[in-house]
């Protein structure tokens, strides 16, 4: 068992309760914990030459709080309608430039290749969560595993993709 697995086993339930108290949504709390652990793993991996996080549980709690705040801000921005004077009156050409289309296609090919290299269960859990928007509980029911196992699948997949795609953003 790695340090990350031990940390997850020791603190995931407490952190889920912590996240639930802030969101009131058990599925969102599970997703926040999973994302916090993914950020923790990325931070530790980035600073492999020295200890990156002295107090992992504090780091994870702070990350969850930050993710909740970011979510509230995002929802607030989505609900805002721009005033009429901010809207353009001339139609715009929204078609991307040819170079951008070519670059986008290349990124898709690279991403598909990286996803194909993942173990099937990790890839399936990640796609169900990130592409189809399914909760950990829904994925667990479909895969016939526990929600914590789903979290581990997704964390492992994200960690492997981060190694394969170092230039990619979240």
C-alpha atoms as a PDB file:
ATOM      1  CA  UNK A   1       0.000   0.000   0.000  1.00  0.00           C
ATOM      2  CA  UNK A   2       1.398   3.399  -0.965  1.00  0.00           C
ATOM      3  CA  UNK A   3       1.389   6.462   1.257  1.00  0.00           C
ATOM      4  CA  UNK A   4      -1.448   7.926  -0.827  1.00  0.00           C
ATOM      5  CA  UNK A   5      -3.548   4.777  -0.389  1.00  0.00           C
ATOM      6  CA  UNK A   6      -2.925   4.843   3.356  1.00  0.00           C
ATOM      7  CA  UNK A   7      -3.773   8.542   3.538  1.00  0.00           C
ATOM      8  CA  UNK A   8      -6.957   7.912   1.574  1.00  0.00           C
ATOM      9  CA  UNK A   9      -7.957   4.971   3.769  1.00  0.00           C
ATOM     10  CA  UNK A  10      -7.302   6.948   6.955  1.00  0.00           C
ATOM     11  CA  UNK A  11      -8.990  10.226   6.021  1.00  0.00           C
ATOM     12  CA  UNK A  12     -11.443   9.834   3.107  1.00  0.00           C
ATOM     13  CA  UNK A  13     -14.529   9.299   5.270  1.00  0.00           C
ATOM     14  CA  UNK A  14     -13.743  12.253   7.529  1.00  0.00           C
ATOM     15  CA  UNK A  15     -13.054  14.460   4.517  1.00  0.00           C
ATOM     16  CA  UNK A  16     -16.316  13.362   2.843  1.00  0.00           C
ATOM     17  CA  UNK A  17     -18.198  14.383   6.000  1.00  0.00           C
ATOM     18  CA  UNK A  18     -16.275  17.682   6.025  1.00  0.00           C
ATOM     19  CA  UNK A  19     -17.205  18.306   2.360  1.00  0.00           C
ATOM     20  CA  UNK A  20     -20.812  17.227   2.942  1.00  0.00           C
ATOM     21  CA  UNK A  21     -21.213  19.807   5.737  1.00  0.00           C
ATOM     22  CA  UNK A  22     -20.191  22.481   3.245  1.00  0.00           C
ATOM     23  CA  UNK A  23     -22.250  21.313   0.266  1.00  0.00           C
ATOM     24  CA  UNK A  24     -25.205  19.325   1.622  1.00  0.00           C
ATOM     25  CA  UNK A  25     -24.737  16.902  -1.301  1.00  0.00           C
ATOM     26  CA  UNK A  26     -23.162  13.486  -0.651  1.00  0.00           C
ATOM     27  CA  UNK A  27     -22.226  12.869  -4.288  1.00  0.00           C
ATOM     28  CA  UNK A  28     -20.657  16.301  -4.648  1.00  0.00           C
ATOM     29  CA  UNK A  29     -18.781  15.724  -1.384  1.00  0.00           C
ATOM     30  CA  UNK A  30     -17.357  12.453  -2.757  1.00  0.00           C
ATOM     31  CA  UNK A  31     -16.321  14.215  -5.973  1.00  0.00           C
ATOM     32  CA  UNK A  32     -14.653  17.026  -4.014  1.00  0.00           C
ATOM     33  CA  UNK A  33     -12.681  14.540  -1.913  1.00  0.00           C
ATOM     34  CA  UNK A  34     -11.574  12.690  -5.032  1.00  0.00           C
ATOM     35  CA  UNK A  35     -10.469  15.933  -6.680  1.00  0.00           C
ATOM     36  CA  UNK A  36      -8.663  17.062  -3.518  1.00  0.00           C
ATOM     37  CA  UNK A  37      -6.723  13.778  -3.426  1.00  0.00           C
ATOM     38  CA  UNK A  38      -5.891  14.138  -7.127  1.00  0.00           C
ATOM     39  CA  UNK A  39      -4.523  17.642  -6.462  1.00  0.00           C
ATOM     40  CA  UNK A  40      -2.596  16.314  -3.478  1.00  0.00           C
ATOM     41  CA  UNK A  41      -1.096  13.497  -5.589  1.00  0.00           C
ATOM     42  CA  UNK A  42      -0.119  15.977  -8.314  1.00  0.00           C
ATOM     43  CA  UNK A  43       1.513  18.295  -5.768  1.00  0.00           C
ATOM     44  CA  UNK A  44       3.464  15.461  -4.157  1.00  0.00           C
ATOM     45  CA  UNK A  45       4.562  14.170  -7.554  1.00  0.00           C
ATOM     46  CA  UNK A  46       5.663  17.650  -8.652  1.00  0.00           C
ATOM     47  CA  UNK A  47       7.919  17.953  -5.618  1.00  0.00           C
ATOM     48  CA  UNK A  48       9.246  14.400  -5.487  1.00  0.00           C
ATOM     49  CA  UNK A  49      12.716  15.640  -4.485  1.00  0.00           C
ATOM     50  CA  UNK A  50      11.464  17.137  -1.197  1.00  0.00           C
ATOM     51  CA  UNK A  51       8.427  16.919   1.041  1.00  0.00           C
ATOM     52  CA  UNK A  52       5.755  19.016  -0.674  1.00  0.00           C
ATOM     53  CA  UNK A  53       3.091  18.871   2.007  1.00  0.00           C
ATOM     54  CA  UNK A  54       3.906  18.826   5.701  1.00  0.00           C
ATOM     55  CA  UNK A  55       0.312  18.380   6.895  1.00  0.00           C
ATOM     56  CA  UNK A  56      -1.612  16.342   4.284  1.00  0.00           C
ATOM     57  CA  UNK A  57      -4.958  16.445   6.082  1.00  0.00           C
ATOM     58  CA  UNK A  58      -4.823  20.248   6.358  1.00  0.00           C
ATOM     59  CA  UNK A  59      -3.843  20.481   2.691  1.00  0.00           C
ATOM     60  CA  UNK A  60      -6.801  18.285   1.716  1.00  0.00           C
ATOM     61  CA  UNK A  61      -9.278  20.248   3.874  1.00  0.00           C
ATOM     62  CA  UNK A  62      -8.066  23.570   2.451  1.00  0.00           C
ATOM     63  CA  UNK A  63      -8.285  22.165  -1.085  1.00  0.00           C
ATOM     64  CA  UNK A  64     -11.888  21.088  -0.481  1.00  0.00           C
ATOM     65  CA  UNK A  65     -12.796  24.536   0.850  1.00  0.00           C
ATOM     66  CA  UNK A  66     -11.140  26.149  -2.201  1.00  0.00           C
ATOM     67  CA  UNK A  67     -13.018  23.815  -4.563  1.00  0.00           C
ATOM     68  CA  UNK A  68     -16.323  24.677  -2.887  1.00  0.00           C
ATOM     69  CA  UNK A  69     -15.557  28.406  -3.203  1.00  0.00           C
ATOM     70  CA  UNK A  70     -14.580  27.946  -6.874  1.00  0.00           C
ATOM     71  CA  UNK A  71     -17.853  26.092  -7.518  1.00  0.00           C
ATOM     72  CA  UNK A  72     -19.903  28.876  -5.940  1.00  0.00           C
ATOM     73  CA  UNK A  73     -18.078  31.477  -8.029  1.00  0.00           C
ATOM     74  CA  UNK A  74     -18.594  29.442 -11.212  1.00  0.00           C
ATOM     75  CA  UNK A  75     -22.321  29.094 -10.560  1.00  0.00           C
ATOM     76  CA  UNK A  76     -22.518  32.824  -9.860  1.00  0.00           C
ATOM     77  CA  UNK A  77     -20.843  33.700 -13.159  1.00  0.00           C
ATOM     78  CA  UNK A  78     -23.046  31.317 -15.150  1.00  0.00           C
ATOM     79  CA  UNK A  79     -26.163  32.986 -13.820  1.00  0.00           C
ATOM     80  CA  UNK A  80     -25.076  36.479 -14.857  1.00  0.00           C
ATOM     81  CA  UNK A  81     -26.656  37.925 -17.995  1.00  0.00           C
ATOM     82  CA  UNK A  82     -24.594  40.682 -19.630  1.00  0.00           C
ATOM     83  CA  UNK A  83     -26.242  44.088 -19.985  1.00  0.00           C
ATOM     84  CA  UNK A  84     -27.370  45.059 -23.478  1.00  0.00           C
ATOM     85  CA  UNK A  85     -24.510  47.507 -23.949  1.00  0.00           C
ATOM     86  CA  UNK A  86     -22.010  44.636 -23.472  1.00  0.00           C
ATOM     87  CA  UNK A  87     -23.549  42.597 -26.273  1.00  0.00           C
ATOM     88  CA  UNK A  88     -22.052  42.979 -29.742  1.00  0.00           C
ATOM     89  CA  UNK A  89     -24.432  44.178 -32.405  1.00  0.00           C
ATOM     90  CA  UNK A  90     -22.435  42.810 -35.315  1.00  0.00           C
ATOM     91  CA  UNK A  91     -22.370  39.070 -35.950  1.00  0.00           C
ATOM     92  CA  UNK A  92     -19.040  37.471 -35.232  1.00  0.00           C
ATOM     93  CA  UNK A  93     -17.304  34.684 -37.060  1.00  0.00           C
ATOM     94  CA  UNK A  94     -16.947  32.018 -34.379  1.00  0.00           C
ATOM     95  CA  UNK A  95     -15.272  29.479 -36.660  1.00  0.00           C
ATOM     96  CA  UNK A  96     -11.792  28.654 -35.338  1.00  0.00           C
ATOM     97  CA  UNK A  97      -8.813  29.247 -37.548  1.00  0.00           C
ATOM     98  CA  UNK A  98      -7.562  26.327 -39.620  1.00  0.00           C
ATOM     99  CA  UNK A  99      -4.397  26.022 -37.506  1.00  0.00           C
ATOM    100  CA  UNK A 100      -6.463  25.802 -34.330  1.00  0.00           C
ATOM    101  CA  UNK A 101      -8.663  23.090 -35.837  1.00  0.00           C
ATOM    102  CA  UNK A 102      -5.548  21.100 -36.793  1.00  0.00           C
ATOM    103  CA  UNK A 103      -4.053  21.535 -33.309  1.00  0.00           C
ATOM    104  CA  UNK A 104      -7.362  20.498 -31.707  1.00  0.00           C
ATOM    105  CA  UNK A 105      -7.462  17.324 -33.816  1.00  0.00           C
ATOM    106  CA  UNK A 106      -3.896  16.495 -32.786  1.00  0.00           C
ATOM    107  CA  UNK A 107      -4.802  16.994 -29.109  1.00  0.00           C
ATOM    108  CA  UNK A 108      -7.778  14.663 -29.508  1.00  0.00           C
ATOM    109  CA  UNK A 109      -5.557  11.970 -31.037  1.00  0.00           C
ATOM    110  CA  UNK A 110      -3.033  12.306 -28.197  1.00  0.00           C
ATOM    111  CA  UNK A 111      -5.771  12.224 -25.535  1.00  0.00           C
ATOM    112  CA  UNK A 112      -7.439   9.165 -27.081  1.00  0.00           C
ATOM    113  CA  UNK A 113      -4.100   7.389 -27.135  1.00  0.00           C
ATOM    114  CA  UNK A 114      -3.433   8.239 -23.492  1.00  0.00           C
ATOM    115  CA  UNK A 115      -6.938   7.085 -22.502  1.00  0.00           C
ATOM    116  CA  UNK A 116      -6.504   3.845 -24.445  1.00  0.00           C
ATOM    117  CA  UNK A 117      -3.315   3.124 -22.470  1.00  0.00           C
ATOM    118  CA  UNK A 118      -5.200   3.231 -19.137  1.00  0.00           C
ATOM    119  CA  UNK A 119      -6.469   0.040 -17.524  1.00  0.00           C
ATOM    120  CA  UNK A 120     -10.098  -0.524 -18.589  1.00  0.00           C
ATOM    121  CA  UNK A 121     -11.710  -0.013 -15.175  1.00  0.00           C
ATOM    122  CA  UNK A 122      -9.800   3.223 -14.521  1.00  0.00           C
ATOM    123  CA  UNK A 123     -10.624   4.537 -18.001  1.00  0.00           C
ATOM    124  CA  UNK A 124     -14.302   3.581 -17.705  1.00  0.00           C
ATOM    125  CA  UNK A 125     -14.682   5.185 -14.271  1.00  0.00           C
ATOM    126  CA  UNK A 126     -12.963   8.374 -15.440  1.00  0.00           C
ATOM    127  CA  UNK A 127     -15.083   8.674 -18.581  1.00  0.00           C
ATOM    128  CA  UNK A 128     -18.322   7.943 -16.734  1.00  0.00           C
ATOM    129  CA  UNK A 129     -17.470  10.649 -14.193  1.00  0.00           C
ATOM    130  CA  UNK A 130     -15.854  13.369 -16.293  1.00  0.00           C
ATOM    131  CA  UNK A 131     -17.598  12.909 -19.651  1.00  0.00           C
ATOM    132  CA  UNK A 132     -21.018  11.551 -18.696  1.00  0.00           C
ATOM    133  CA  UNK A 133     -21.246  13.402 -15.372  1.00  0.00           C
ATOM    134  CA  UNK A 134     -22.101  10.334 -13.315  1.00  0.00           C
ATOM    135  CA  UNK A 135     -21.562  10.399  -9.570  1.00  0.00           C
ATOM    136  CA  UNK A 136     -19.288   7.990  -7.751  1.00  0.00           C
ATOM    137  CA  UNK A 137     -22.352   6.172  -6.383  1.00  0.00           C
ATOM    138  CA  UNK A 138     -23.813   5.717  -9.876  1.00  0.00           C
ATOM    139  CA  UNK A 139     -20.497   4.472 -11.259  1.00  0.00           C
ATOM    140  CA  UNK A 140     -20.053   2.124  -8.297  1.00  0.00           C
ATOM    141  CA  UNK A 141     -23.468   0.586  -8.956  1.00  0.00           C
ATOM    142  CA  UNK A 142     -22.680   0.088 -12.657  1.00  0.00           C
ATOM    143  CA  UNK A 143     -19.221  -1.353 -12.023  1.00  0.00           C
ATOM    144  CA  UNK A 144     -20.334  -3.395  -9.008  1.00  0.00           C
ATOM    145  CA  UNK A 145     -17.658  -1.883  -6.736  1.00  0.00           C
ATOM    146  CA  UNK A 146     -17.673   0.493  -3.775  1.00  0.00           C
ATOM    147  CA  UNK A 147     -17.702   4.285  -4.254  1.00  0.00           C
ATOM    148  CA  UNK A 148     -14.262   4.451  -2.621  1.00  0.00           C
ATOM    149  CA  UNK A 149     -12.962   2.040  -5.269  1.00  0.00           C
ATOM    150  CA  UNK A 150     -14.389   4.345  -7.938  1.00  0.00           C
ATOM    151  CA  UNK A 151     -12.472   7.224  -6.329  1.00  0.00           C
ATOM    152  CA  UNK A 152      -9.276   5.196  -6.465  1.00  0.00           C
ATOM    153  CA  UNK A 153      -9.856   4.290 -10.118  1.00  0.00           C
ATOM    154  CA  UNK A 154     -10.380   7.939 -11.027  1.00  0.00           C
ATOM    155  CA  UNK A 155      -7.418   9.169  -8.967  1.00  0.00           C
ATOM    156  CA  UNK A 156      -5.130   6.576 -10.536  1.00  0.00           C
ATOM    157  CA  UNK A 157      -6.365   7.444 -14.029  1.00  0.00           C
ATOM    158  CA  UNK A 158      -5.822  11.163 -13.470  1.00  0.00           C
ATOM    159  CA  UNK A 159      -2.361  10.569 -12.049  1.00  0.00           C
ATOM    160  CA  UNK A 160      -1.378   8.438 -15.070  1.00  0.00           C
ATOM    161  CA  UNK A 161      -2.819  10.931 -17.537  1.00  0.00           C
ATOM    162  CA  UNK A 162      -0.960  13.770 -15.831  1.00  0.00           C
ATOM    163  CA  UNK A 163       2.288  11.841 -16.316  1.00  0.00           C
ATOM    164  CA  UNK A 164       1.475  11.090 -19.972  1.00  0.00           C
ATOM    165  CA  UNK A 165       0.139  14.563 -20.756  1.00  0.00           C
ATOM    166  CA  UNK A 166       2.319  16.942 -18.734  1.00  0.00           C
ATOM    167  CA  UNK A 167       1.301  19.983 -20.806  1.00  0.00           C
ATOM    168  CA  UNK A 168      -2.438  19.392 -20.324  1.00  0.00           C
ATOM    169  CA  UNK A 169      -4.413  21.430 -17.853  1.00  0.00           C
ATOM    170  CA  UNK A 170      -6.888  19.833 -15.470  1.00  0.00           C
END
